[in-house]
Amino acid sequence: MKRWLKLSFILMLVIGFVSTATTVFASDGNGEESGEVINEKLGVPRVVYGETLTEAQKDQVRKLLDVENPESVDEYIVTAEDLVNYIDGDPNSRMYSSAKITRTEEGSGLVINVVNSENITQVTNEMYANALLTAGVENAVVDVASPVKVTGHSALTGIYKAFNVEGESLDKDRMEVANEELDVATDLADEEGMDQEKVSELLTQIKQQIAEQNPATKEEVEQIVQEQLDKMNIELSEEDRQMLTNLFEKMRNINIDFDNVRSQLDDIAGDIRSKLDEVAGNEGFWQGVADFFNRLFEGIKGLFN
C-alpha cells in the first residue's frame, strides 16, 4: 500500500511539473489577455490580410493575431496590386502572410512579433524591424502570421498599406529602399549562406555607424561597409559588397536620419545577441528536464525492486 502511495505522489509531481512547463511556454505568444480596450487616442489596431486567404484561413489568422472581435479592429486586404505598388513585386503573387499593426505612443519604439515563425521562412523579426525603420515606421507593435509556409513579403506590403490609409502616407522613396534592403538581406542569407541573424546584425551595425559617422560621400559609405564586414569576419563577393554599398548610398541620398532611431537600432542589435544567449539557456533547461526525469524513473524503478 505504501508503495502505491509513493507512486501516486510521484505521478502528482510529474503532472505538476508538466503543467508548469506548459504554462511557461504558452505565454510565448503576444501575451495579450482577453478583454480588448479601444485606444481612443491612437485608434484601433489595423489588420491586413493577404488576399489569397480563404475565409477559413482568415479566421485562423485572426486567432493567431489575437483578434477576438473583428469589429474592434480596422480590417484591410493586401493585394498583388499593392505588392507591385509598394515593393515592385510580382502581380501574380499569392498573398498569405498577414499583419496586425497597433499604434503606440511617440518614443515607445517598434516591436515586431512573428507569431508563428515556422511559417515565415525568410523574413525574421529583425529583418522586418530594419526594413520598417528604413521606411519610417517608428512607434508600433507589429504582429505577423501566416496559416501556410511563406517568405513573409506580403505581410511587409500589408504593413506599408496600413500606414497609407485614412490620409496617412509613408515616403515612397523610403519604402522602395526599405524593400531593397529586405531583398539584400534575404539574398545574402540565401546566396552567401549567411545566418539570418548575422545578416540582420550586419545591416544594423552599418546603420549604427552611418548614424555615428554621417558619411558625406559614397566612398565613405563603402569604407563603413568594409569596416563592418571586417569586424564581423564576413567575406562577400565583390558583387555583394557593391550591392551593400549601393543600398546604403541610396539611404544616404534620400537623407534617412538613422540618428533619430539609434536607440531602436541598439535594441535590434541587442535582440540578436540575446537570441544566442537564449539558445544556450534553453539547452541548459532541457538538460535539467532530462536529468529530472532520469532521476524520477530511477526512483519509480526502485519502488518495485
Protein backbone atom coordinates (compact mmCIF):
# COMPACT_ATOMS: atom_id res chain seq x y z
CA MET A 1 0.00 0.00 0.00
CA LYS A 2 2.83 2.39 0.90
CA ARG A 3 4.45 1.64 -2.44
CA TRP A 4 1.35 2.77 -4.33
CA LEU A 5 1.03 5.87 -2.20
CA LYS A 6 4.62 6.77 -3.08
CA LEU A 7 3.94 6.11 -6.75
CA SER A 8 0.81 8.29 -6.68
CA PHE A 9 2.77 11.10 -5.06
CA ILE A 10 5.49 10.90 -7.72
CA LEU A 11 2.91 10.95 -10.51
CA MET A 12 1.37 14.07 -8.98
CA LEU A 13 4.81 15.69 -9.06
CA VAL A 14 5.18 14.78 -12.75
CA ILE A 15 1.78 16.24 -13.61
CA GLY A 16 2.63 19.39 -11.69
CA PHE A 17 5.97 19.74 -13.48
CA VAL A 18 4.44 19.25 -16.94
CA SER A 19 1.63 21.69 -16.16
CA THR A 20 4.16 24.31 -15.06
CA ALA A 21 6.26 23.85 -18.19
CA THR A 22 3.17 24.10 -20.37
CA THR A 23 2.14 27.32 -18.67
CA VAL A 24 5.57 28.87 -19.25
CA PHE A 25 5.67 28.08 -22.95
CA ALA A 26 2.02 29.03 -23.54
CA SER A 27 2.97 32.60 -22.67
CA ASP A 28 5.40 32.80 -25.59
CA GLY A 29 2.74 34.38 -27.87
CA ASN A 30 1.98 38.09 -27.92
CA GLY A 31 0.97 37.96 -24.26
CA GLU A 32 -2.30 39.83 -24.59
CA GLU A 33 -5.15 38.86 -22.32
CA SER A 34 -8.77 38.70 -23.38
CA GLY A 35 -10.85 41.82 -23.00
CA GLU A 36 -9.87 44.33 -25.66
CA VAL A 37 -9.71 48.03 -24.84
CA ILE A 38 -10.12 50.59 -27.61
CA ASN A 39 -7.42 53.25 -27.61
CA GLU A 40 -9.36 56.44 -28.31
CA LYS A 41 -6.18 58.48 -28.78
CA LEU A 42 -4.23 56.27 -31.20
CA GLY A 43 -7.12 54.38 -32.78
CA VAL A 44 -7.89 50.69 -33.06
CA PRO A 45 -5.35 48.20 -34.45
CA ARG A 46 -5.24 47.71 -38.20
CA VAL A 47 -5.22 44.16 -39.51
CA VAL A 48 -4.17 43.46 -43.09
CA TYR A 49 -4.90 40.04 -44.61
CA GLY A 50 -3.27 38.51 -47.67
CA GLU A 51 -5.83 38.37 -50.47
CA THR A 52 -5.23 34.67 -51.23
CA LEU A 53 -6.51 33.58 -47.82
CA THR A 54 -9.73 31.57 -47.77
CA GLU A 55 -12.36 32.52 -45.19
CA ALA A 56 -11.28 29.58 -43.04
CA GLN A 57 -7.64 30.65 -43.26
CA LYS A 58 -8.61 34.23 -42.46
CA ASP A 59 -10.32 33.00 -39.28
CA GLN A 60 -7.16 31.05 -38.46
CA VAL A 61 -5.08 34.21 -38.90
CA ARG A 62 -7.47 36.14 -36.66
CA LYS A 63 -6.81 33.62 -33.91
CA LEU A 64 -3.05 33.79 -34.47
CA LEU A 65 -3.15 37.60 -34.30
CA ASP A 66 -5.43 37.54 -31.25
CA VAL A 67 -8.29 39.33 -32.99
CA GLU A 68 -11.19 38.25 -30.79
CA ASN A 69 -13.72 40.62 -32.32
CA PRO A 70 -13.27 41.81 -35.94
CA GLU A 71 -15.36 44.88 -35.10
CA SER A 72 -12.68 46.02 -32.65
CA VAL A 73 -10.09 46.46 -35.43
CA ASP A 74 -9.93 48.04 -38.88
CA GLU A 75 -9.50 45.27 -41.46
CA TYR A 76 -7.90 45.58 -44.90
CA ILE A 77 -6.88 43.25 -47.71
CA VAL A 78 -3.39 43.46 -49.22
CA THR A 79 -3.47 42.57 -52.90
CA ALA A 80 -0.97 41.65 -55.59
CA GLU A 81 -1.53 45.13 -56.98
CA ASP A 82 -0.37 46.53 -53.64
CA LEU A 83 2.68 44.26 -53.87
CA VAL A 84 3.53 45.91 -57.21
CA ASN A 85 2.87 49.44 -55.94
CA TYR A 86 4.74 49.21 -52.65
CA ILE A 87 7.63 46.82 -53.24
CA ASP A 88 7.69 46.31 -57.02
CA GLY A 89 6.63 42.68 -56.64
CA ASP A 90 5.11 40.12 -58.98
CA PRO A 91 1.45 40.91 -59.85
CA ASN A 92 0.73 37.17 -59.96
CA SER A 93 1.96 36.51 -56.44
CA ARG A 94 -0.13 34.63 -53.91
CA MET A 95 -0.58 36.59 -50.71
CA TYR A 96 -0.89 34.72 -47.40
CA SER A 97 1.22 36.40 -44.70
CA SER A 98 -0.77 38.96 -42.73
CA ALA A 99 -0.14 41.53 -40.03
CA LYS A 100 -1.76 43.41 -37.16
CA ILE A 101 -0.44 46.90 -36.51
CA THR A 102 -1.10 48.59 -33.18
CA ARG A 103 -0.01 52.21 -32.96
CA THR A 104 1.86 53.19 -29.79
CA GLU A 105 2.92 56.42 -28.08
CA GLU A 106 5.72 58.55 -29.50
CA GLY A 107 9.07 57.27 -28.32
CA SER A 108 7.82 53.80 -27.43
CA GLY A 109 9.69 52.25 -30.35
CA LEU A 110 9.00 49.46 -32.81
CA VAL A 111 8.18 45.94 -31.62
CA ILE A 112 7.92 43.04 -34.08
CA ASN A 113 6.32 39.68 -33.18
CA VAL A 114 6.38 36.92 -35.79
CA VAL A 115 3.68 34.84 -34.13
CA ASN A 116 4.32 31.53 -35.93
CA SER A 117 7.88 31.84 -37.20
CA GLU A 118 7.82 28.28 -38.54
CA ASN A 119 5.57 29.57 -41.35
CA ILE A 120 7.55 32.76 -42.11
CA THR A 121 10.60 31.20 -43.73
CA GLN A 122 12.72 34.13 -44.97
CA VAL A 123 11.92 37.35 -43.14
CA THR A 124 12.92 37.44 -39.46
CA ASN A 125 11.78 39.81 -36.70
CA GLU A 126 14.97 41.82 -37.12
CA MET A 127 14.63 41.99 -40.92
CA TYR A 128 11.10 43.37 -40.55
CA ALA A 129 12.30 45.84 -37.92
CA ASN A 130 15.21 47.07 -40.02
CA ALA A 131 13.08 47.49 -43.14
CA LEU A 132 10.27 49.27 -41.30
CA LEU A 133 12.66 51.70 -39.58
CA THR A 134 14.10 52.48 -43.00
CA ALA A 135 10.57 53.05 -44.34
CA GLY A 136 9.82 55.44 -41.48
CA VAL A 137 7.70 53.28 -39.14
CA GLU A 138 8.93 54.01 -35.62
CA ASN A 139 6.21 53.59 -32.97
CA ALA A 140 4.08 50.47 -33.26
CA VAL A 141 3.62 46.86 -32.23
CA VAL A 142 3.51 44.69 -35.35
CA ASP A 143 2.33 41.07 -35.22
CA VAL A 144 2.91 38.86 -38.28
CA ALA A 145 1.38 35.45 -39.03
CA SER A 146 0.57 33.06 -41.86
CA PRO A 147 -1.50 29.84 -41.98
CA VAL A 148 0.91 28.31 -44.52
CA LYS A 149 4.67 28.44 -45.13
CA VAL A 150 5.60 31.64 -47.00
CA THR A 151 8.56 34.00 -47.29
CA GLY A 152 6.75 36.82 -45.43
CA HIS A 153 6.84 39.55 -48.08
CA SER A 154 3.09 40.14 -48.32
CA ALA A 155 3.00 40.95 -44.59
CA LEU A 156 5.56 43.73 -45.19
CA THR A 157 3.41 45.06 -48.03
CA GLY A 158 0.39 44.89 -45.74
CA ILE A 159 2.20 46.89 -43.07
CA TYR A 160 3.03 49.56 -45.63
CA LYS A 161 -0.61 49.62 -46.70
CA ALA A 162 -1.74 50.04 -43.09
CA PHE A 163 0.35 53.21 -42.88
CA ASN A 164 -1.00 54.54 -46.16
CA VAL A 165 -4.71 54.77 -45.38
CA GLU A 166 -7.00 57.40 -43.92
CA GLY A 167 -4.85 60.31 -45.03
CA GLU A 168 -1.55 58.89 -43.76
CA SER A 169 1.34 58.05 -46.03
CA LEU A 170 4.89 56.79 -45.85
CA ASP A 171 7.56 58.30 -48.07
CA LYS A 172 7.63 56.28 -51.32
CA ASP A 173 11.41 56.58 -51.74
CA ARG A 174 11.96 55.25 -48.23
CA MET A 175 9.57 52.34 -48.85
CA GLU A 176 11.42 51.43 -52.04
CA VAL A 177 14.80 51.50 -50.29
CA ALA A 178 13.36 49.50 -47.38
CA ASN A 179 12.14 46.87 -49.83
CA GLU A 180 15.56 46.78 -51.48
CA GLU A 181 17.09 46.34 -48.02
CA LEU A 182 14.85 43.32 -47.40
CA ASP A 183 15.83 41.86 -50.77
CA VAL A 184 19.52 42.34 -49.93
CA ALA A 185 19.03 40.67 -46.55
CA THR A 186 17.25 37.62 -47.98
CA ASP A 187 19.72 37.39 -50.89
CA LEU A 188 22.70 37.37 -48.53
CA ALA A 189 21.06 34.68 -46.43
CA ASP A 190 20.23 32.55 -49.48
CA GLU A 191 23.16 33.09 -51.85
CA GLU A 192 26.02 33.65 -49.40
CA GLY A 193 24.70 31.08 -46.92
CA MET A 194 24.83 33.57 -44.06
CA ASP A 195 22.81 33.03 -40.91
CA GLN A 196 19.70 35.25 -40.90
CA GLU A 197 20.59 36.79 -37.54
CA LYS A 198 24.10 37.58 -38.77
CA VAL A 199 22.69 39.32 -41.84
CA SER A 200 20.43 41.43 -39.64
CA GLU A 201 23.29 42.22 -37.29
CA LEU A 202 25.46 43.35 -40.22
CA LEU A 203 22.77 45.67 -41.60
CA THR A 204 22.05 47.06 -38.14
CA GLN A 205 25.71 47.76 -37.38
CA ILE A 206 26.21 49.51 -40.72
CA LYS A 207 23.24 51.74 -39.93
CA GLN A 208 24.63 52.46 -36.48
CA GLN A 209 27.95 53.51 -37.97
CA ILE A 210 26.25 55.66 -40.61
CA ALA A 211 24.32 57.39 -37.81
CA GLU A 212 27.55 57.92 -35.89
CA GLN A 213 29.88 58.92 -38.73
CA ASN A 214 27.42 60.71 -41.06
CA PRO A 215 29.29 59.88 -44.31
CA ALA A 216 29.33 62.61 -46.96
CA THR A 217 30.40 60.53 -49.99
CA LYS A 218 29.86 57.10 -51.50
CA GLU A 219 33.50 56.28 -50.76
CA GLU A 220 32.90 56.90 -47.07
CA VAL A 221 29.82 54.67 -47.17
CA GLU A 222 31.89 51.96 -48.86
CA GLN A 223 34.54 52.29 -46.14
CA ILE A 224 31.92 51.84 -43.40
CA VAL A 225 30.54 48.75 -45.13
CA GLN A 226 34.01 47.22 -45.45
CA GLU A 227 34.89 48.03 -41.83
CA GLN A 228 31.80 46.23 -40.56
CA LEU A 229 32.45 43.23 -42.82
CA ASP A 230 35.99 43.03 -41.44
CA LYS A 231 34.80 43.47 -37.86
CA MET A 232 32.33 40.59 -38.19
CA ASN A 233 34.76 38.42 -40.19
CA ILE A 234 32.37 38.24 -43.15
CA GLU A 235 33.73 37.63 -46.62
CA LEU A 236 31.48 38.61 -49.53
CA SER A 237 31.94 38.58 -53.25
CA GLU A 238 32.77 41.90 -54.89
CA GLU A 239 29.27 41.93 -56.36
CA ASP A 240 27.61 41.56 -52.96
CA ARG A 241 29.89 44.17 -51.35
CA GLN A 242 28.88 46.57 -54.09
CA MET A 243 25.22 45.66 -53.56
CA LEU A 244 25.54 46.63 -49.89
CA THR A 245 27.36 49.86 -50.70
CA ASN A 246 24.75 50.85 -53.28
CA LEU A 247 21.95 50.15 -50.82
CA PHE A 248 23.36 52.39 -48.09
CA GLU A 249 24.36 55.04 -50.61
CA LYS A 250 20.69 55.25 -51.64
CA MET A 251 19.76 55.67 -47.98
CA ARG A 252 22.30 58.49 -47.70
CA ASN A 253 20.96 60.18 -50.84
CA ILE A 254 17.38 60.31 -49.54
CA ASN A 255 18.60 61.68 -46.21
CA ILE A 256 17.40 58.94 -43.89
CA ASP A 257 18.44 60.14 -40.45
CA PHE A 258 19.28 56.97 -38.53
CA ASP A 259 20.49 59.08 -35.63
CA ASN A 260 16.80 59.63 -34.76
CA VAL A 261 16.28 55.89 -34.30
CA ARG A 262 19.72 54.99 -32.95
CA SER A 263 18.27 53.60 -29.70
CA GLN A 264 16.00 51.30 -31.69
CA LEU A 265 18.94 50.11 -33.77
CA ASP A 266 20.71 49.36 -30.49
CA ASP A 267 17.64 47.37 -29.41
CA ILE A 268 17.67 45.32 -32.63
CA ALA A 269 21.36 44.53 -32.15
CA GLY A 270 20.65 43.56 -28.54
CA ASP A 271 17.78 41.28 -29.57
CA ILE A 272 20.05 39.44 -31.99
CA ARG A 273 22.69 38.90 -29.33
CA SER A 274 20.11 37.74 -26.78
CA LYS A 275 18.87 35.06 -29.18
CA LEU A 276 22.24 33.36 -28.96
CA ASP A 277 22.07 33.54 -25.16
CA GLU A 278 18.54 32.08 -25.22
CA VAL A 279 19.71 29.11 -27.25
CA ALA A 280 22.43 28.40 -24.70
CA GLY A 281 19.96 28.86 -21.84
CA ASN A 282 17.37 26.57 -23.42
CA GLU A 283 19.97 23.83 -23.78
CA GLY A 284 20.64 24.02 -20.05
CA PHE A 285 16.91 23.99 -19.26
CA TRP A 286 16.21 20.88 -21.32
CA GLN A 287 19.24 19.12 -19.83
CA GLY A 288 17.72 19.84 -16.44
CA VAL A 289 14.41 18.37 -17.61
CA ALA A 290 16.18 15.24 -18.84
CA ASP A 291 18.07 14.87 -15.54
CA PHE A 292 14.83 15.31 -13.58
CA PHE A 293 13.04 12.53 -15.44
CA ASN A 294 16.07 10.23 -15.27
CA ARG A 295 16.10 10.59 -11.51
CA LEU A 296 12.33 10.20 -11.37
CA PHE A 297 12.25 6.97 -13.36
CA GLU A 298 15.12 5.55 -11.34
CA GLY A 299 13.08 6.27 -8.20
CA ILE A 300 10.00 4.59 -9.65
CA LYS A 301 12.03 1.52 -10.60
CA GLY A 302 13.34 1.41 -7.04
CA LEU A 303 9.80 1.13 -5.66
CA PHE A 304 9.35 -2.19 -7.43
CA ASN A 305 12.75 -3.66 -6.53
